[in-house]
Protein backbone atom coordinates (compact mmCIF):
# COMPACT_ATOMS: atom_id res chain seq x y z
CA LEU A 1 138.13 -110.13 77.70
CA LEU A 2 134.60 -111.56 77.77
CA ALA A 3 134.00 -110.64 74.11
CA ARG A 4 137.40 -112.05 73.09
CA ALA A 5 136.61 -115.27 74.96
CA ILE A 6 133.28 -115.55 73.13
CA ALA A 7 135.02 -115.12 69.77
CA GLY A 8 137.72 -117.63 70.68
CA GLU A 9 135.18 -120.18 71.82
CA ALA A 10 133.13 -119.73 68.65
CA GLY A 11 136.21 -119.71 66.40
CA VAL A 12 135.13 -116.65 64.39
CA ALA A 13 136.70 -113.33 63.36
CA PHE A 14 136.93 -110.67 66.06
CA TYR A 15 136.85 -106.91 65.42
CA SER A 16 137.58 -104.62 68.37
CA VAL A 17 137.20 -100.85 68.40
CA ASN A 18 137.00 -98.19 71.12
CA GLY A 19 133.95 -95.95 71.13
CA SER A 20 136.07 -92.80 71.28
CA GLU A 21 137.78 -93.73 67.98
CA PHE A 22 134.57 -92.88 66.11
CA ILE A 23 134.48 -89.29 67.36
CA GLN A 24 136.59 -87.05 65.10
CA MET A 25 136.92 -83.34 64.45
CA PHE A 26 135.43 -83.55 60.95
CA VAL A 27 131.72 -84.21 60.58
CA GLY A 28 130.89 -87.53 58.88
CA VAL A 29 134.17 -89.32 59.63
CA GLY A 30 132.69 -91.29 62.56
CA ALA A 31 129.69 -92.50 60.55
CA SER A 32 132.01 -93.46 57.70
CA ARG A 33 134.18 -95.52 60.03
CA VAL A 34 131.10 -97.31 61.35
CA ARG A 35 130.03 -98.20 57.78
CA ASP A 36 133.53 -99.49 56.96
CA LEU A 37 133.70 -101.57 60.14
CA PHE A 38 130.34 -103.24 59.58
CA ALA A 39 131.05 -103.79 55.88
CA THR A 40 134.33 -105.57 56.71
CA ALA A 41 132.62 -107.73 59.32
CA LYS A 42 129.84 -108.71 56.88
CA GLN A 43 132.34 -109.63 54.14
CA ASN A 44 134.20 -111.91 56.57
CA SER A 45 131.24 -113.31 58.45
CA PRO A 46 130.71 -115.06 60.75
CA GLY A 47 132.29 -112.63 63.19
CA ILE A 48 131.96 -110.53 66.34
CA ILE A 49 132.22 -106.73 66.52
CA PHE A 50 133.23 -105.46 69.95
CA ILE A 51 132.76 -101.76 70.82
CA ASP A 52 134.56 -100.86 74.05
CA GLU A 53 133.31 -97.92 76.14
CA ILE A 54 130.27 -97.44 73.93
CA ASP A 55 129.06 -94.60 76.18
CA ALA A 56 131.62 -92.37 74.38
CA VAL A 57 129.40 -92.47 71.30
CA GLY A 58 126.13 -93.93 72.59
CA ARG A 59 125.11 -91.38 75.20
CA GLN A 60 121.49 -90.28 75.34
CA ARG A 61 120.78 -87.89 72.47
CA GLY A 62 120.05 -84.33 73.49
CA ALA A 63 122.53 -84.56 76.42
CA GLY A 64 124.53 -81.50 75.45
CA LEU A 65 124.47 -77.97 74.12
CA GLY A 66 125.88 -78.70 70.66
CA GLY A 67 122.54 -79.22 68.96
CA GLY A 68 121.05 -82.33 67.44
CA HIS A 69 123.39 -82.74 64.48
CA ASP A 70 126.81 -83.10 66.10
CA GLU A 71 129.33 -85.75 65.08
CA ARG A 72 128.57 -88.06 68.00
CA GLU A 73 124.86 -88.18 67.23
CA GLN A 74 125.43 -88.92 63.54
CA THR A 75 127.78 -91.76 64.50
CA LEU A 76 125.22 -93.19 66.90
CA ASN A 77 122.51 -93.03 64.25
CA GLN A 78 124.78 -94.92 61.84
CA ILE A 79 125.43 -97.66 64.45
CA LEU A 80 121.69 -98.02 64.99
CA SER A 81 121.08 -98.18 61.25
CA GLU A 82 123.76 -100.84 60.70
CA MET A 83 122.43 -103.02 63.54
CA ASP A 84 118.90 -102.80 62.08
CA GLY A 85 120.24 -103.75 58.65
CA PHE A 86 121.57 -107.20 59.52
CA SER A 87 120.02 -110.12 57.68
CA PRO A 88 119.75 -113.60 59.26
CA THR A 89 122.40 -114.94 56.87
CA GLU A 90 125.16 -112.43 57.74
CA SER A 91 126.04 -114.02 61.13
CA VAL A 92 127.57 -110.91 62.71
CA ILE A 93 127.10 -110.31 66.43
CA VAL A 94 127.72 -106.90 68.04
CA VAL A 95 128.97 -106.81 71.64
CA ALA A 96 129.64 -103.61 73.59
CA SER A 97 130.87 -102.69 77.06
CA THR A 98 130.37 -99.70 79.32
CA ASN A 99 130.77 -98.66 82.94
CA ARG A 100 127.88 -96.20 82.55
CA PRO A 101 124.76 -98.06 81.36
CA ASP A 102 122.61 -95.33 82.90
CA VAL A 103 123.69 -92.72 80.30
CA LEU A 104 123.11 -94.83 77.17
CA ASP A 105 120.51 -93.79 74.63
CA PRO A 106 117.30 -95.87 75.03
CA ALA A 107 117.33 -96.66 71.31
CA LEU A 108 120.53 -98.69 71.79
CA LEU A 109 118.82 -100.95 74.31
CA ARG A 110 115.70 -101.81 72.33
CA PRO A 111 114.97 -105.38 71.16
CA GLY A 112 117.04 -106.32 68.14
CA ARG A 113 119.95 -104.14 69.24
CA PHE A 114 121.66 -104.46 72.63
CA ASP A 115 118.76 -106.34 74.19
CA ARG A 116 120.82 -108.86 76.21
CA HIS A 117 122.56 -107.28 79.17
CA ILE A 118 125.30 -109.02 81.17
CA THR A 119 126.30 -107.32 84.40
CA VAL A 120 129.90 -108.09 85.34
CA GLY A 121 130.11 -107.23 89.03
CA ARG A 122 133.05 -107.27 91.37
CA PRO A 123 134.39 -110.78 91.94
CA THR A 124 133.23 -112.86 94.91
CA LEU A 125 135.58 -114.55 97.37
CA LYS A 126 135.99 -117.59 95.13
CA GLY A 127 136.43 -115.35 92.09
CA ARG A 128 139.15 -113.32 93.80
CA GLN A 129 141.00 -116.51 94.73
CA GLU A 130 140.94 -117.72 91.13
CA ILE A 131 142.07 -114.31 89.83
CA LEU A 132 144.95 -114.26 92.31
CA LYS A 133 146.01 -117.75 91.21
CA VAL A 134 146.24 -116.51 87.63
CA HIS A 135 148.36 -113.48 88.54
CA VAL A 136 150.80 -115.36 90.84
CA ARG A 137 151.59 -118.13 88.34
CA ASP A 138 154.98 -116.61 87.53
CA VAL A 139 155.63 -115.18 91.02
CA PRO A 140 157.72 -117.27 93.48
CA LEU A 141 155.68 -117.48 96.69
CA ASP A 142 156.79 -118.43 100.17
CA ALA A 143 154.97 -121.25 101.97
CA ASP A 144 153.35 -118.75 104.38
CA VAL A 145 151.33 -117.09 101.59
CA ASP A 146 147.64 -117.95 101.89
CA LEU A 147 145.76 -116.72 98.83
CA LYS A 148 142.44 -117.34 100.56
CA ARG A 149 143.43 -114.87 103.30
CA VAL A 150 144.49 -112.37 100.66
CA ALA A 151 141.13 -112.83 98.91
CA GLU A 152 139.26 -112.36 102.20
CA ALA A 153 141.16 -109.13 102.83
CA THR A 154 140.31 -107.68 99.41
CA ILE A 155 136.51 -107.62 99.43
CA GLY A 156 135.18 -105.17 96.85
CA MET A 157 138.32 -105.13 94.72
CA THR A 158 138.29 -105.72 90.98
CA GLY A 159 140.56 -107.98 88.93
CA ALA A 160 142.73 -104.96 88.06
CA ASP A 161 143.10 -104.13 91.77
CA LEU A 162 144.18 -107.71 92.53
CA ARG A 163 146.73 -107.67 89.72
CA ASN A 164 148.07 -104.40 91.11
CA ILE A 165 148.39 -105.94 94.59
CA VAL A 166 150.36 -108.92 93.24
CA ASN A 167 152.67 -106.59 91.28
CA GLU A 168 153.22 -104.30 94.28
CA ALA A 169 153.93 -107.29 96.55
CA ALA A 170 156.51 -108.67 94.09
CA LEU A 171 158.18 -105.25 93.71
CA TRP A 172 158.34 -104.75 97.48
CA ALA A 173 159.86 -108.19 97.97
CA ALA A 174 162.47 -107.49 95.27
CA ARG A 175 163.38 -104.14 96.83
CA ASN A 176 164.04 -105.93 100.11
CA ASP A 177 166.29 -108.51 98.38
CA LYS A 178 163.90 -111.39 98.94
CA LYS A 179 163.96 -114.43 96.69
CA ARG A 180 160.26 -115.10 97.28
CA VAL A 181 157.14 -113.11 98.07
CA PHE A 182 155.92 -113.44 101.67
CA MET A 183 152.51 -112.80 103.23
CA GLU A 184 153.80 -109.57 104.79
CA ASP A 185 154.55 -108.31 101.28
CA PHE A 186 150.91 -108.86 100.31
CA GLU A 187 149.82 -106.96 103.45
CA TYR A 188 152.08 -104.06 102.48
CA ALA A 189 150.76 -104.09 98.90
CA ARG A 190 147.13 -104.17 100.04
CA ASP A 191 147.65 -101.17 102.33
CA LYS A 192 149.37 -99.25 99.55
CA VAL A 193 146.61 -99.94 97.02
CA LEU A 194 143.83 -99.15 99.52
CA MET A 195 145.28 -96.08 101.25
CA GLY A 196 148.25 -94.89 99.21
CA ALA A 197 151.98 -94.96 99.75
CA LYS A 198 153.39 -94.52 103.24
CA ARG A 199 154.53 -90.98 103.97
CA GLU A 200 157.91 -90.82 105.69
CA GLU A 201 157.24 -87.57 107.53
CA VAL A 202 157.37 -87.55 111.35
CA MET A 203 154.27 -86.23 113.12
CA ALA A 204 154.57 -83.96 116.13
CA PRO A 205 153.86 -85.83 119.41
CA SER A 206 150.68 -83.82 120.07
CA GLU A 207 149.34 -84.47 116.56
CA LYS A 208 150.20 -88.16 116.79
CA ALA A 209 148.36 -88.42 120.12
CA LYS A 210 145.25 -86.73 118.66
CA THR A 211 145.35 -89.08 115.65
CA ALA A 212 145.72 -92.07 118.00
CA TYR A 213 142.66 -90.99 120.02
CA HIS A 214 140.70 -90.50 116.78
CA GLU A 215 141.52 -93.95 115.40
CA ALA A 216 141.01 -95.58 118.80
CA GLY A 217 137.49 -94.10 118.84
CA HIS A 218 136.66 -95.68 115.47
CA THR A 219 138.13 -99.01 116.58
CA ILE A 220 136.24 -99.22 119.89
CA ALA A 221 132.91 -98.39 118.20
CA ALA A 222 133.43 -101.06 115.53
CA TRP A 223 134.64 -103.53 118.18
CA PHE A 224 131.58 -103.29 120.44
CA LEU A 225 128.68 -102.50 118.08
CA ALA A 226 126.89 -105.55 116.68
CA GLY A 227 125.86 -103.82 113.46
CA ALA A 228 129.39 -102.65 112.65
CA GLN A 229 132.05 -104.65 110.80
CA ARG A 230 135.08 -106.54 112.10
CA VAL A 231 138.26 -104.48 112.60
CA HIS A 232 141.23 -105.80 110.65
CA LYS A 233 143.89 -103.26 111.50
CA VAL A 234 144.33 -99.77 112.97
CA THR A 235 147.29 -97.51 112.25
CA VAL A 236 148.58 -93.99 112.86
CA ILE A 237 151.10 -94.24 110.01
CA PRO A 238 150.37 -91.41 107.50
CA ARG A 239 149.36 -92.73 104.07
CA GLY A 240 148.07 -90.74 101.12
CA GLN A 241 145.98 -87.85 102.47
CA SER A 242 145.28 -89.57 105.79
CA LEU A 243 147.20 -89.36 109.08
CA GLY A 244 145.82 -92.75 110.16
CA SER A 245 143.08 -95.25 109.46
CA THR A 246 140.97 -98.02 110.92
CA GLN A 247 140.53 -100.84 108.42
CA ILE A 248 137.16 -102.57 108.54
CA LEU A 249 137.23 -106.08 107.07
CA PRO A 250 133.92 -107.88 106.48
CA SER A 251 134.08 -111.67 106.50
CA GLU A 252 131.97 -112.18 103.37
CA ASP A 253 130.44 -110.35 100.43
CA ARG A 254 126.98 -108.87 100.82
CA MET A 255 124.53 -106.81 98.77
CA ASN A 256 122.06 -105.84 101.50
CA MET A 257 122.15 -104.20 104.94
CA SER A 258 119.56 -103.56 107.66
CA GLU A 259 118.67 -100.20 109.22
CA ARG A 260 120.31 -101.22 112.52
CA GLU A 261 123.57 -101.98 110.75
CA LEU A 262 123.47 -98.64 108.93
CA ARG A 263 122.85 -96.73 112.17
CA ASP A 264 125.76 -98.52 113.83
CA GLN A 265 127.90 -97.55 110.84
CA LEU A 266 126.99 -93.92 111.46
CA VAL A 267 128.21 -94.28 115.05
CA VAL A 268 131.50 -95.81 113.87
CA LEU A 269 132.03 -92.98 111.38
CA LEU A 270 131.48 -90.33 114.04
CA ALA A 271 133.34 -92.12 116.85
CA GLY A 272 136.74 -90.66 115.89
CA ARG A 273 135.36 -87.15 116.16
CA ALA A 274 133.60 -88.10 119.42
CA ALA A 275 136.91 -89.29 120.92
CA GLU A 276 138.50 -85.91 120.14
CA GLN A 277 135.52 -84.15 121.74
CA ILE A 278 135.83 -86.21 124.93
CA ILE A 279 139.60 -85.76 125.34
CA TYR A 280 140.16 -82.23 124.02
CA ASN A 281 136.65 -80.75 124.36
CA GLU A 282 136.88 -79.73 120.70
CA THR A 283 137.14 -81.35 117.28
CA SER A 284 139.61 -81.00 114.41
CA VAL A 285 139.54 -80.91 110.61
CA GLY A 286 140.73 -84.55 110.57
CA ALA A 287 137.09 -85.70 110.73
CA GLU A 288 136.16 -84.06 107.39
CA ASN A 289 135.96 -87.32 105.41
CA ASP A 290 134.09 -89.06 108.25
CA LEU A 291 131.48 -86.29 108.26
CA GLU A 292 131.09 -86.40 104.47
CA ARG A 293 130.53 -90.15 104.48
CA ALA A 294 128.17 -90.04 107.47
CA THR A 295 126.12 -87.22 105.91
CA SER A 296 125.89 -89.06 102.59
CA LEU A 297 124.84 -92.30 104.29
CA SER A 298 122.23 -90.56 106.45
CA ARG A 299 120.78 -88.73 103.43
CA ARG A 300 120.43 -91.99 101.49
CA MET A 301 118.77 -93.69 104.48
CA ILE A 302 116.12 -90.96 104.58
CA SER A 303 115.53 -90.03 100.95
CA HIS A 304 116.35 -93.31 99.13
CA TRP A 305 115.58 -96.16 101.51
CA GLY A 306 112.53 -94.89 103.42
CA MET A 307 114.22 -95.07 106.86
CA SER A 308 112.44 -91.99 108.23
CA ARG A 309 109.63 -91.96 110.76
CA LYS A 310 108.36 -88.56 109.58
CA LEU A 311 108.42 -89.26 105.84
CA GLY A 312 107.61 -92.96 105.94
CA PRO A 313 108.36 -95.55 103.24
CA VAL A 314 108.79 -93.08 100.37
CA SER A 315 111.76 -92.61 98.02
CA TYR A 316 112.72 -89.02 97.23
CA LYS A 317 115.44 -89.51 94.62
CA LEU A 318 116.20 -86.75 92.15
CA SER A 319 114.82 -87.31 88.64
CA ASP A 320 117.34 -87.34 85.79
CA SER A 321 115.07 -88.24 82.89
CA ASP A 322 114.91 -84.90 81.05
CA PRO A 323 115.22 -85.87 77.35
CA PHE A 324 116.59 -82.51 76.22
CA LEU A 325 119.14 -81.43 78.82
CA GLY A 326 120.37 -84.98 79.40
CA ARG A 327 120.90 -87.10 82.48
CA GLU A 328 124.13 -85.48 83.65
CA MET A 329 123.21 -81.83 83.06
CA HIS A 330 119.83 -81.84 84.71
CA GLN A 331 118.43 -83.28 87.92
CA GLN A 332 114.85 -82.38 88.69
CA ARG A 333 113.51 -82.44 92.23
CA GLN A 334 110.02 -83.90 92.25
CA PHE A 335 109.09 -82.98 95.82
CA SER A 336 108.29 -79.78 97.65
CA GLU A 337 110.45 -77.37 99.61
CA ARG A 338 108.63 -78.53 102.74
CA THR A 339 109.67 -82.14 102.08
CA GLN A 340 113.26 -81.01 101.48
CA GLU A 341 113.17 -79.20 104.81
CA ILE A 342 111.97 -82.37 106.57
CA ILE A 343 114.76 -84.40 104.91
CA ASP A 344 117.36 -81.88 106.11
CA THR A 345 115.90 -81.92 109.64
CA GLU A 346 115.85 -85.73 109.79
CA LEU A 347 119.41 -85.87 108.45
CA GLY A 348 120.64 -83.61 111.25
CA GLU A 349 118.73 -85.59 113.88
CA ASN A 350 120.25 -88.86 112.60
CA LEU A 351 123.78 -87.50 112.88
CA ARG A 352 123.22 -85.92 116.29
CA LEU A 353 121.80 -89.20 117.62
CA ALA A 354 124.81 -91.12 116.23
CA ASP A 355 127.17 -88.54 117.74
CA ARG A 356 125.56 -88.88 121.19
CA SER A 357 125.69 -92.67 120.95
CA ALA A 358 129.39 -92.55 120.05
CA ILE A 359 130.19 -90.27 122.99
CA GLU A 360 128.24 -92.49 125.43
CA LEU A 361 129.98 -95.63 124.14
CA LEU A 362 133.46 -94.10 124.43
CA GLU A 363 132.74 -92.68 127.90
CA LYS A 364 131.75 -96.20 128.95
CA HIS A 365 135.06 -97.54 127.58
CA ARG A 366 137.21 -94.54 128.55
CA HIS A 367 139.94 -96.68 130.10
CA ALA A 368 140.14 -98.85 126.96
CA LEU A 369 140.35 -95.67 124.86
CA GLU A 370 143.42 -94.54 126.79
CA GLN A 371 145.04 -97.98 126.59
CA LEU A 372 144.47 -98.24 122.85
CA LYS A 373 145.82 -94.73 122.32
CA ASP A 374 149.02 -95.57 124.23
CA ALA A 375 149.52 -98.79 122.26
CA LEU A 376 149.04 -96.95 118.95
CA ILE A 377 151.59 -94.29 119.86
CA GLU A 378 154.10 -96.98 120.80
CA GLU A 379 153.48 -99.53 118.02
CA GLU A 380 151.99 -97.24 115.32
CA GLU A 381 150.05 -100.20 113.88
CA LEU A 382 147.93 -102.85 115.61
CA ASP A 383 146.38 -105.96 114.07
CA GLU A 384 143.27 -107.75 115.25
CA LYS A 385 145.06 -109.96 117.79
CA GLN A 386 146.86 -107.00 119.36
CA ILE A 387 143.60 -105.07 119.60
CA GLU A 388 141.91 -108.06 121.25
CA ALA A 389 144.68 -108.22 123.86
CA ILE A 390 143.72 -104.68 124.89
CA LEU A 391 139.94 -104.59 124.42
CA GLY A 392 139.06 -108.23 125.01
CA PRO A 393 136.89 -110.35 122.67
CA SER A 394 135.03 -108.47 119.96
CA ILE A 395 131.25 -108.65 119.75
CA HIS A 396 131.85 -110.20 116.32
CA SER A 397 133.70 -113.19 117.84
CA THR A 398 132.01 -116.48 118.67
CA PRO A 399 132.67 -118.27 122.01
CA ASP A 400 135.41 -120.39 120.43
CA GLY A 401 137.27 -117.22 119.41
CA SER A 402 136.61 -117.37 115.69
CA SER A 403 134.94 -114.52 113.83
CA GLU A 404 131.26 -114.93 113.07
CA THR A 405 129.85 -114.22 109.64
CA ASP A 406 129.55 -110.45 109.22
CA LEU A 407 128.62 -109.27 105.79
CA SER A 408 129.25 -106.16 103.71
CA ASP A 409 129.64 -105.08 100.12
CA SER A 410 133.20 -103.80 100.34
CA THR A 411 136.32 -103.40 102.39
CA ALA A 412 136.22 -100.05 104.16
CA SER A 413 138.46 -97.84 106.21
CA VAL A 414 137.75 -94.82 108.35
CA GLY A 415 140.33 -92.23 109.20
């Protein structure tokens, strides 16, 4: 869309091709297509050539076992040759897009080729509002629909996600014989896009109670920890692969987080498991995803962000710069076995500390845990106001009752 907008604004010819279209079974066909494309563009200059998903043909050379003369490499060499062969009078610009800039061949990124890089990130709050306005132009909305609220509830989503939410909301309204789309339809659509379709199966009472305790644990930790995020909704309705979820809704977009906030996030992730441990004196397989996410976060804190007292401010990322095996086939560890052992020890200590903190917090709020569990079993889904009626004001609320600014890079849910 960006390349097409550039061509439209400049009023020149536009040639679009997908990177995978160059790769063919017969050797030489890809390079021939590149020559034909560039020749056509030069004959009809000025113009813009747009190569979508250029990583399909522009991956780092040597990243494979097929040798150095495969079809993809010949095609890439031809693209490089054509871009070097432009004269100032030909007025042809080449634009390309990729979701994997890290795997591109360095020769593509040298000056005179793709030397101007534009990062198109996920839209901000204002951007999401404007995208929603575009997609609802032909959708009849009820007066209760607040697109700003929808945008606030979709932090981290792309334009395609927002279009999907609008379509799902319109479909759900039509299935319920509504003439207009209401705010509740957008809520339904958001939950479906984030967590999957609602499963109509009925859980056994004992399993529902365990799920309610688990989600109540997540909710209480997020409610009372300053470094956690604001709770938007908690549910024990099965969706996708999850039996329930606690939706965490930051108030604004953010690209940075402190160590205290990350440690509180570890506590929130492990609080569901901690609630099961307190009530049943054992844990279940339902905490698998929580453990995976907590382990991944703890490992990054130690080895990527220098948040380790034993290792200090050092980054221990894996190296992926081998020019022969390629970035995806080879990751070289550039630290000793002893350092790896320290990382593993620190990782375990981080998680055990977070687990103890979660248990202590839930023991302190044991009565609230029981109340929240009972409400979840009865209602199946609680919003922020209903949770506040049980737990009292959140630590994220200001004295006047409004939510204070609490930042994150994406909408999250724990289950």
